[in-house]
Amino acid sequence: MAKNVTNNPAQEKNPFDNLLEKYEQNKKRINSITTVILVVILAGLAYIKLYREPRTEKAASSIAWAQRMFEQDSVDKALNGDMANSGFLKVQKKFSGTPTGNLANHYIGICYLQKGEFDNAIKYLKNFDGNGTTLQYLSWGALGDAYMEKGEVEKGLEYYKKASSNTEDEVVTPIYLYRLGIIQENNGNLEEAAKAYKSIRDNYSQSMQAQDIDRHLARVGVLD
C-alpha cells in the first residue's frame, strides 16, 4: 500500500484502514451505478462521438460483438472473443492507431478492472484518449477505482478529481464527487470532504448522490 500523509493523528499507524474499510462497504453499490452508466453511454454517446463518423463501417462493426458481450457482463468473451468473433484485445491490435482501436483501449481497461487485474486496467485506460467526451471522465473515474484497489490512495484521489471536473455533467460528476468526499473524509481531510459534498448539494441536487447529502455534510461539520 502506498504511504500517504494523513491529517488525522489517530490514524498514524495505518492511516488508510478506515478509508479502505468505508470504500469496501460502499463500493459494490457505488460501482454498480457506474456500470449502468458505462453500458448506456458506451452503447450510445461514445459510439457516436468517438468513431461512427470518422471511421468506416468495417471498423465500427468489428467491435460491435465485443460490446454486446460487455453489456451482457461476459467479460472474458468481450476481451478475448470466441472462434467466430473478435474480442476487444484483437480489435485493439488490429485497429491500433485508429478511433476504433482507441475505444477498445477503454473497454479493455474496464474489463480488466472488473476482473481485478488492476495493473492491466491502468495500462489500457491510460492509453485511451476520450478527447473531451463523457467517456474520458468515466475512464478517469475507472483509473481512480483501479488505484484505490491497489491501495494507491493519492493517485486514486487525483483521478477522482479529474473525473469530477466536468461541471456540466449532471450524471457522472456527482458520482465521483461522492467518492472523493468519502475518501477525503476518511483520510481526515474534512474541509476537502465538505467541499465535495457541498458541490453535490448545491450543483447536483437531482442526482442520486444528493439524496442523503445533508447527513454527510453534518458528519464533517457543515450544518447549514
C-alpha atoms as a PDB file:
ATOM      1  CA  MET A   1       0.000   0.000   0.000  1.00  0.00           C
ATOM      2  CA  ALA A   2       1.351   3.432  -0.857  1.00  0.00           C
ATOM      3  CA  LYS A   3       2.363   5.608   2.095  1.00  0.00           C
ATOM      4  CA  ASN A   4       0.481   8.889   2.248  1.00  0.00           C
ATOM      5  CA  VAL A   5       0.215  11.741   4.722  1.00  0.00           C
ATOM      6  CA  THR A   6      -2.985  11.947   6.740  1.00  0.00           C
ATOM      7  CA  ASN A   7      -4.349  14.819   8.740  1.00  0.00           C
ATOM      8  CA  ASN A   8      -5.778  12.525  11.421  1.00  0.00           C
ATOM      9  CA  PRO A   9      -3.183  11.740  14.136  1.00  0.00           C
ATOM     10  CA  ALA A  10      -5.273   8.841  15.419  1.00  0.00           C
ATOM     11  CA  GLN A  11      -4.625   7.011  12.182  1.00  0.00           C
ATOM     12  CA  GLU A  12      -0.807   7.325  12.068  1.00  0.00           C
ATOM     13  CA  LYS A  13      -0.178   3.615  12.456  1.00  0.00           C
ATOM     14  CA  ASN A  14      -2.287   2.627   9.474  1.00  0.00           C
ATOM     15  CA  PRO A  15      -3.822   5.805   8.058  1.00  0.00           C
ATOM     16  CA  PHE A  16      -5.986   4.298   5.370  1.00  0.00           C
ATOM     17  CA  ASP A  17      -7.628   1.466   7.293  1.00  0.00           C
ATOM     18  CA  ASN A  18     -10.845   3.410   7.822  1.00  0.00           C
ATOM     19  CA  LEU A  19     -10.762   4.812   4.328  1.00  0.00           C
ATOM     20  CA  LEU A  20     -10.419   1.446   2.661  1.00  0.00           C
ATOM     21  CA  GLU A  21     -12.945  -0.153   5.013  1.00  0.00           C
ATOM     22  CA  LYS A  22     -15.501   2.536   4.161  1.00  0.00           C
ATOM     23  CA  TYR A  23     -14.735   2.151   0.480  1.00  0.00           C
ATOM     24  CA  GLU A  24     -15.134  -1.629   0.691  1.00  0.00           C
ATOM     25  CA  GLN A  25     -18.500  -1.174   2.416  1.00  0.00           C
ATOM     26  CA  ASN A  26     -19.785   1.142  -0.287  1.00  0.00           C
ATOM     27  CA  LYS A  27     -18.011   0.203  -3.488  1.00  0.00           C
ATOM     28  CA  LYS A  28     -20.414  -2.520  -4.626  1.00  0.00           C
ATOM     29  CA  ARG A  29     -23.341  -0.118  -4.541  1.00  0.00           C
ATOM     30  CA  ILE A  30     -21.330   2.795  -5.905  1.00  0.00           C
ATOM     31  CA  ASN A  31     -19.655   0.801  -8.667  1.00  0.00           C
ATOM     32  CA  SER A  32     -22.970  -0.688  -9.771  1.00  0.00           C
ATOM     33  CA  ILE A  33     -24.112   2.839 -10.592  1.00  0.00           C
ATOM     34  CA  THR A  34     -21.027   3.356 -12.730  1.00  0.00           C
ATOM     35  CA  THR A  35     -21.631   0.074 -14.535  1.00  0.00           C
ATOM     36  CA  VAL A  36     -25.104   1.202 -15.566  1.00  0.00           C
ATOM     37  CA  ILE A  37     -23.711   4.482 -16.839  1.00  0.00           C
ATOM     38  CA  LEU A  38     -20.995   2.688 -18.768  1.00  0.00           C
ATOM     39  CA  VAL A  39     -23.494   0.480 -20.556  1.00  0.00           C
ATOM     40  CA  VAL A  40     -25.710   3.396 -21.539  1.00  0.00           C
ATOM     41  CA  ILE A  41     -23.003   5.825 -22.541  1.00  0.00           C
ATOM     42  CA  LEU A  42     -20.699   3.326 -24.205  1.00  0.00           C
ATOM     43  CA  ALA A  43     -23.544   1.999 -26.317  1.00  0.00           C
ATOM     44  CA  GLY A  44     -24.795   5.428 -27.360  1.00  0.00           C
ATOM     45  CA  LEU A  45     -22.919   8.642 -26.758  1.00  0.00           C
ATOM     46  CA  ALA A  46     -19.391   7.276 -27.046  1.00  0.00           C
ATOM     47  CA  TYR A  47     -20.239   5.300 -30.179  1.00  0.00           C
ATOM     48  CA  ILE A  48     -21.481   8.378 -31.962  1.00  0.00           C
ATOM     49  CA  LYS A  49     -18.813  10.807 -30.800  1.00  0.00           C
ATOM     50  CA  LEU A  50     -15.724   8.638 -30.992  1.00  0.00           C
ATOM     51  CA  TYR A  51     -15.877   6.652 -34.176  1.00  0.00           C
ATOM     52  CA  ARG A  52     -19.136   6.352 -36.049  1.00  0.00           C
ATOM     53  CA  GLU A  53     -18.428   9.485 -38.062  1.00  0.00           C
ATOM     54  CA  PRO A  54     -14.645   9.296 -38.571  1.00  0.00           C
ATOM     55  CA  ARG A  55     -14.329   5.552 -39.179  1.00  0.00           C
ATOM     56  CA  THR A  56     -15.543   3.095 -41.780  1.00  0.00           C
ATOM     57  CA  GLU A  57     -18.408   0.692 -41.232  1.00  0.00           C
ATOM     58  CA  LYS A  58     -15.927  -2.169 -41.139  1.00  0.00           C
ATOM     59  CA  ALA A  59     -14.077  -0.700 -38.199  1.00  0.00           C
ATOM     60  CA  ALA A  60     -17.295   0.039 -36.332  1.00  0.00           C
ATOM     61  CA  SER A  61     -18.779  -3.397 -36.936  1.00  0.00           C
ATOM     62  CA  SER A  62     -15.565  -5.094 -35.783  1.00  0.00           C
ATOM     63  CA  ILE A  63     -16.154  -4.014 -32.192  1.00  0.00           C
ATOM     64  CA  ALA A  64     -19.938  -4.442 -32.049  1.00  0.00           C
ATOM     65  CA  TRP A  65     -19.954  -8.101 -30.934  1.00  0.00           C
ATOM     66  CA  ALA A  66     -17.499  -7.462 -28.116  1.00  0.00           C
ATOM     67  CA  GLN A  67     -19.624  -4.502 -26.998  1.00  0.00           C
ATOM     68  CA  ARG A  68     -22.668  -6.750 -26.768  1.00  0.00           C
ATOM     69  CA  MET A  69     -20.718  -9.258 -24.688  1.00  0.00           C
ATOM     70  CA  PHE A  70     -19.590  -6.437 -22.412  1.00  0.00           C
ATOM     71  CA  GLU A  71     -23.144  -5.237 -21.907  1.00  0.00           C
ATOM     72  CA  GLN A  72     -24.146  -8.806 -21.008  1.00  0.00           C
ATOM     73  CA  ASP A  73     -21.347  -8.963 -18.402  1.00  0.00           C
ATOM     74  CA  SER A  74     -19.500 -11.629 -20.385  1.00  0.00           C
ATOM     75  CA  VAL A  75     -16.158 -10.039 -19.621  1.00  0.00           C
ATOM     76  CA  ASP A  76     -13.905 -12.876 -20.811  1.00  0.00           C
ATOM     77  CA  LYS A  77     -15.704 -13.148 -24.138  1.00  0.00           C
ATOM     78  CA  ALA A  78     -15.671  -9.389 -24.537  1.00  0.00           C
ATOM     79  CA  LEU A  79     -11.909  -9.375 -24.006  1.00  0.00           C
ATOM     80  CA  ASN A  80     -10.873 -12.472 -25.916  1.00  0.00           C
ATOM     81  CA  GLY A  81     -13.697 -13.199 -28.348  1.00  0.00           C
ATOM     82  CA  ASP A  82     -14.565 -16.687 -29.468  1.00  0.00           C
ATOM     83  CA  MET A  83     -13.909 -18.845 -32.522  1.00  0.00           C
ATOM     84  CA  ALA A  84     -16.148 -16.710 -34.702  1.00  0.00           C
ATOM     85  CA  ASN A  85     -15.816 -13.211 -33.239  1.00  0.00           C
ATOM     86  CA  SER A  86     -13.059 -10.816 -32.201  1.00  0.00           C
ATOM     87  CA  GLY A  87     -12.785  -9.548 -28.652  1.00  0.00           C
ATOM     88  CA  PHE A  88     -11.561  -6.120 -27.639  1.00  0.00           C
ATOM     89  CA  LEU A  89      -7.938  -7.242 -27.412  1.00  0.00           C
ATOM     90  CA  LYS A  90      -7.866  -8.368 -31.032  1.00  0.00           C
ATOM     91  CA  VAL A  91      -9.786  -5.310 -32.202  1.00  0.00           C
ATOM     92  CA  GLN A  92      -7.363  -3.039 -30.378  1.00  0.00           C
ATOM     93  CA  LYS A  93      -4.390  -4.720 -32.015  1.00  0.00           C
ATOM     94  CA  LYS A  94      -5.925  -4.791 -35.484  1.00  0.00           C
ATOM     95  CA  PHE A  95      -7.080  -1.180 -35.420  1.00  0.00           C
ATOM     96  CA  SER A  96      -4.252   0.284 -33.361  1.00  0.00           C
ATOM     97  CA  GLY A  97      -3.870   3.978 -34.077  1.00  0.00           C
ATOM     98  CA  THR A  98      -7.486   4.378 -35.156  1.00  0.00           C
ATOM     99  CA  PRO A  99     -10.520   5.686 -33.237  1.00  0.00           C
ATOM    100  CA  THR A 100     -11.857   2.124 -33.029  1.00  0.00           C
ATOM    101  CA  GLY A 101      -8.611   0.834 -31.542  1.00  0.00           C
ATOM    102  CA  ASN A 102      -8.621   3.763 -29.144  1.00  0.00           C
ATOM    103  CA  LEU A 103     -12.152   2.953 -27.990  1.00  0.00           C
ATOM    104  CA  ALA A 104     -11.114  -0.671 -27.477  1.00  0.00           C
ATOM    105  CA  ASN A 105      -8.471   0.545 -25.005  1.00  0.00           C
ATOM    106  CA  HIS A 106     -11.210   1.921 -22.799  1.00  0.00           C
ATOM    107  CA  TYR A 107     -13.284  -1.257 -22.914  1.00  0.00           C
ATOM    108  CA  ILE A 108     -10.240  -3.422 -22.216  1.00  0.00           C
ATOM    109  CA  GLY A 109      -9.374  -1.300 -19.198  1.00  0.00           C
ATOM    110  CA  ILE A 110     -12.897  -1.613 -17.796  1.00  0.00           C
ATOM    111  CA  CYS A 111     -12.905  -5.365 -18.380  1.00  0.00           C
ATOM    112  CA  TYR A 112      -9.617  -5.800 -16.542  1.00  0.00           C
ATOM    113  CA  LEU A 113     -10.925  -3.618 -13.712  1.00  0.00           C
ATOM    114  CA  GLN A 114     -13.924  -5.927 -13.361  1.00  0.00           C
ATOM    115  CA  LYS A 115     -11.607  -8.945 -13.395  1.00  0.00           C
ATOM    116  CA  GLY A 116      -9.479  -7.493 -10.617  1.00  0.00           C
ATOM    117  CA  GLU A 117      -6.391  -7.125 -12.842  1.00  0.00           C
ATOM    118  CA  PHE A 118      -5.705  -3.559 -11.818  1.00  0.00           C
ATOM    119  CA  ASP A 119      -2.297  -3.045 -13.430  1.00  0.00           C
ATOM    120  CA  ASN A 120      -3.670  -4.111 -16.800  1.00  0.00           C
ATOM    121  CA  ALA A 121      -6.696  -1.892 -16.251  1.00  0.00           C
ATOM    122  CA  ILE A 122      -4.448   1.090 -15.610  1.00  0.00           C
ATOM    123  CA  LYS A 123      -2.302   0.344 -18.641  1.00  0.00           C
ATOM    124  CA  TYR A 124      -5.176   0.335 -21.119  1.00  0.00           C
ATOM    125  CA  LEU A 125      -7.192   3.119 -19.526  1.00  0.00           C
ATOM    126  CA  LYS A 126      -4.150   5.381 -19.715  1.00  0.00           C
ATOM    127  CA  ASN A 127      -3.811   4.545 -23.403  1.00  0.00           C
ATOM    128  CA  PHE A 128      -7.360   5.734 -24.061  1.00  0.00           C
ATOM    129  CA  ASP A 129      -7.929   9.271 -25.351  1.00  0.00           C
ATOM    130  CA  GLY A 130     -11.529  10.347 -24.826  1.00  0.00           C
ATOM    131  CA  ASN A 131     -10.963  13.699 -26.491  1.00  0.00           C
ATOM    132  CA  GLY A 132     -13.153  15.635 -24.066  1.00  0.00           C
ATOM    133  CA  THR A 133     -16.149  13.289 -24.212  1.00  0.00           C
ATOM    134  CA  THR A 134     -18.079  11.937 -21.251  1.00  0.00           C
ATOM    135  CA  LEU A 135     -16.212   8.695 -21.759  1.00  0.00           C
ATOM    136  CA  GLN A 136     -12.959  10.425 -20.837  1.00  0.00           C
ATOM    137  CA  TYR A 137     -14.324  11.302 -17.407  1.00  0.00           C
ATOM    138  CA  LEU A 138     -15.536   7.744 -16.921  1.00  0.00           C
ATOM    139  CA  SER A 139     -12.060   6.495 -17.819  1.00  0.00           C
ATOM    140  CA  TRP A 140     -10.501   8.797 -15.248  1.00  0.00           C
ATOM    141  CA  GLY A 141     -13.011   7.548 -12.689  1.00  0.00           C
ATOM    142  CA  ALA A 142     -12.132   3.950 -13.530  1.00  0.00           C
ATOM    143  CA  LEU A 143      -8.457   4.787 -13.105  1.00  0.00           C
ATOM    144  CA  GLY A 144      -9.330   6.164  -9.686  1.00  0.00           C
ATOM    145  CA  ASP A 145     -11.046   2.885  -8.851  1.00  0.00           C
ATOM    146  CA  ALA A 146      -8.046   0.855 -10.011  1.00  0.00           C
ATOM    147  CA  TYR A 147      -5.580   2.871  -7.956  1.00  0.00           C
ATOM    148  CA  MET A 148      -7.827   2.694  -4.904  1.00  0.00           C
ATOM    149  CA  GLU A 149      -7.999  -1.082  -5.240  1.00  0.00           C
ATOM    150  CA  LYS A 150      -4.185  -1.123  -5.319  1.00  0.00           C
ATOM    151  CA  GLY A 151      -4.063   0.973  -2.159  1.00  0.00           C
ATOM    152  CA  GLU A 152      -2.534   3.943  -4.009  1.00  0.00           C
ATOM    153  CA  VAL A 153      -4.895   6.429  -2.444  1.00  0.00           C
ATOM    154  CA  GLU A 154      -3.260   9.665  -3.582  1.00  0.00           C
ATOM    155  CA  LYS A 155      -3.371   8.569  -7.206  1.00  0.00           C
ATOM    156  CA  GLY A 156      -6.948   7.449  -6.712  1.00  0.00           C
ATOM    157  CA  LEU A 157      -7.828  10.895  -5.414  1.00  0.00           C
ATOM    158  CA  GLU A 158      -6.048  12.516  -8.345  1.00  0.00           C
ATOM    159  CA  TYR A 159      -8.156  10.660 -10.880  1.00  0.00           C
ATOM    160  CA  TYR A 160     -11.409  11.100  -8.956  1.00  0.00           C
ATOM    161  CA  LYS A 161     -10.752  14.841  -9.075  1.00  0.00           C
ATOM    162  CA  LYS A 162     -10.289  14.648 -12.825  1.00  0.00           C
ATOM    163  CA  ALA A 163     -13.403  12.503 -13.201  1.00  0.00           C
ATOM    164  CA  SER A 164     -15.492  15.038 -11.289  1.00  0.00           C
ATOM    165  CA  SER A 165     -14.132  18.120 -13.045  1.00  0.00           C
ATOM    166  CA  ASN A 166     -16.799  18.411 -15.750  1.00  0.00           C
ATOM    167  CA  THR A 167     -19.196  20.846 -14.103  1.00  0.00           C
ATOM    168  CA  GLU A 168     -21.763  20.472 -16.891  1.00  0.00           C
ATOM    169  CA  ASP A 169     -22.196  16.718 -16.463  1.00  0.00           C
ATOM    170  CA  GLU A 170     -25.047  16.029 -14.052  1.00  0.00           C
ATOM    171  CA  VAL A 171     -24.675  12.247 -14.043  1.00  0.00           C
ATOM    172  CA  VAL A 172     -21.004  11.282 -13.933  1.00  0.00           C
ATOM    173  CA  THR A 173     -19.648  14.246 -11.955  1.00  0.00           C
ATOM    174  CA  PRO A 174     -21.700  13.738  -8.758  1.00  0.00           C
ATOM    175  CA  ILE A 175     -20.734  10.061  -8.663  1.00  0.00           C
ATOM    176  CA  TYR A 176     -17.052  10.896  -8.440  1.00  0.00           C
ATOM    177  CA  LEU A 177     -17.595  13.904  -6.198  1.00  0.00           C
ATOM    178  CA  TYR A 178     -19.272  11.482  -3.794  1.00  0.00           C
ATOM    179  CA  ARG A 179     -16.357   9.046  -3.901  1.00  0.00           C
ATOM    180  CA  LEU A 180     -13.955  11.938  -3.500  1.00  0.00           C
ATOM    181  CA  GLY A 181     -15.863  13.139  -0.448  1.00  0.00           C
ATOM    182  CA  ILE A 182     -15.874   9.713   1.206  1.00  0.00           C
ATOM    183  CA  ILE A 183     -12.163   9.236   0.703  1.00  0.00           C
ATOM    184  CA  GLN A 184     -11.236  12.727   1.865  1.00  0.00           C
ATOM    185  CA  GLU A 185     -13.459  12.339   4.922  1.00  0.00           C
ATOM    186  CA  ASN A 186     -11.944   9.046   5.935  1.00  0.00           C
ATOM    187  CA  ASN A 187      -8.474  10.424   5.336  1.00  0.00           C
ATOM    188  CA  GLY A 188      -9.210  13.177   7.849  1.00  0.00           C
ATOM    189  CA  ASN A 189      -9.413  15.929   5.227  1.00  0.00           C
ATOM    190  CA  LEU A 190     -12.783  17.211   6.385  1.00  0.00           C
ATOM    191  CA  GLU A 191     -12.521  20.541   4.585  1.00  0.00           C
ATOM    192  CA  GLU A 192     -11.974  18.839   1.246  1.00  0.00           C
ATOM    193  CA  ALA A 193     -14.728  16.338   2.000  1.00  0.00           C
ATOM    194  CA  ALA A 194     -17.118  19.181   2.794  1.00  0.00           C
ATOM    195  CA  LYS A 195     -16.172  20.879  -0.456  1.00  0.00           C
ATOM    196  CA  ALA A 196     -17.103  17.780  -2.461  1.00  0.00           C
ATOM    197  CA  TYR A 197     -20.362  17.211  -0.570  1.00  0.00           C
ATOM    198  CA  LYS A 198     -21.348  20.880  -0.893  1.00  0.00           C
ATOM    199  CA  SER A 199     -20.806  20.732  -4.624  1.00  0.00           C
ATOM    200  CA  ILE A 200     -23.197  17.800  -4.843  1.00  0.00           C
ATOM    201  CA  ARG A 201     -25.779  19.607  -2.709  1.00  0.00           C
ATOM    202  CA  ASP A 202     -25.542  22.942  -4.497  1.00  0.00           C
ATOM    203  CA  ASN A 203     -24.948  21.898  -8.105  1.00  0.00           C
ATOM    204  CA  TYR A 204     -26.367  18.389  -8.492  1.00  0.00           C
ATOM    205  CA  SER A 205     -29.417  18.380  -6.261  1.00  0.00           C
ATOM    206  CA  GLN A 206     -31.316  15.992  -8.556  1.00  0.00           C
ATOM    207  CA  SER A 207     -28.622  13.327  -8.514  1.00  0.00           C
ATOM    208  CA  MET A 208     -28.854  10.106  -6.530  1.00  0.00           C
ATOM    209  CA  GLN A 209     -25.814  11.168  -4.525  1.00  0.00           C
ATOM    210  CA  ALA A 210     -27.657  14.291  -3.291  1.00  0.00           C
ATOM    211  CA  GLN A 211     -30.472  12.329  -1.654  1.00  0.00           C
ATOM    212  CA  ASP A 212     -28.685  11.923   1.678  1.00  0.00           C
ATOM    213  CA  ILE A 213     -26.005  14.561   1.307  1.00  0.00           C
ATOM    214  CA  ASP A 214     -27.070  16.641   4.331  1.00  0.00           C
ATOM    215  CA  ARG A 215     -26.189  13.732   6.612  1.00  0.00           C
ATOM    216  CA  HIS A 216     -22.720  13.562   5.069  1.00  0.00           C
ATOM    217  CA  LEU A 217     -22.306  17.313   5.432  1.00  0.00           C
ATOM    218  CA  ALA A 218     -23.342  17.195   9.076  1.00  0.00           C
ATOM    219  CA  ARG A 219     -20.811  14.477   9.734  1.00  0.00           C
ATOM    220  CA  VAL A 220     -17.996  16.747   8.501  1.00  0.00           C
ATOM    221  CA  GLY A 221     -19.287  19.713  10.489  1.00  0.00           C
ATOM    222  CA  VAL A 222     -21.410  21.555   7.913  1.00  0.00           C
ATOM    223  CA  LEU A 223     -24.812  22.238   9.440  1.00  0.00           C
ATOM    224  CA  ASP A 224     -26.189  24.985   7.181  1.00  0.00           C
END
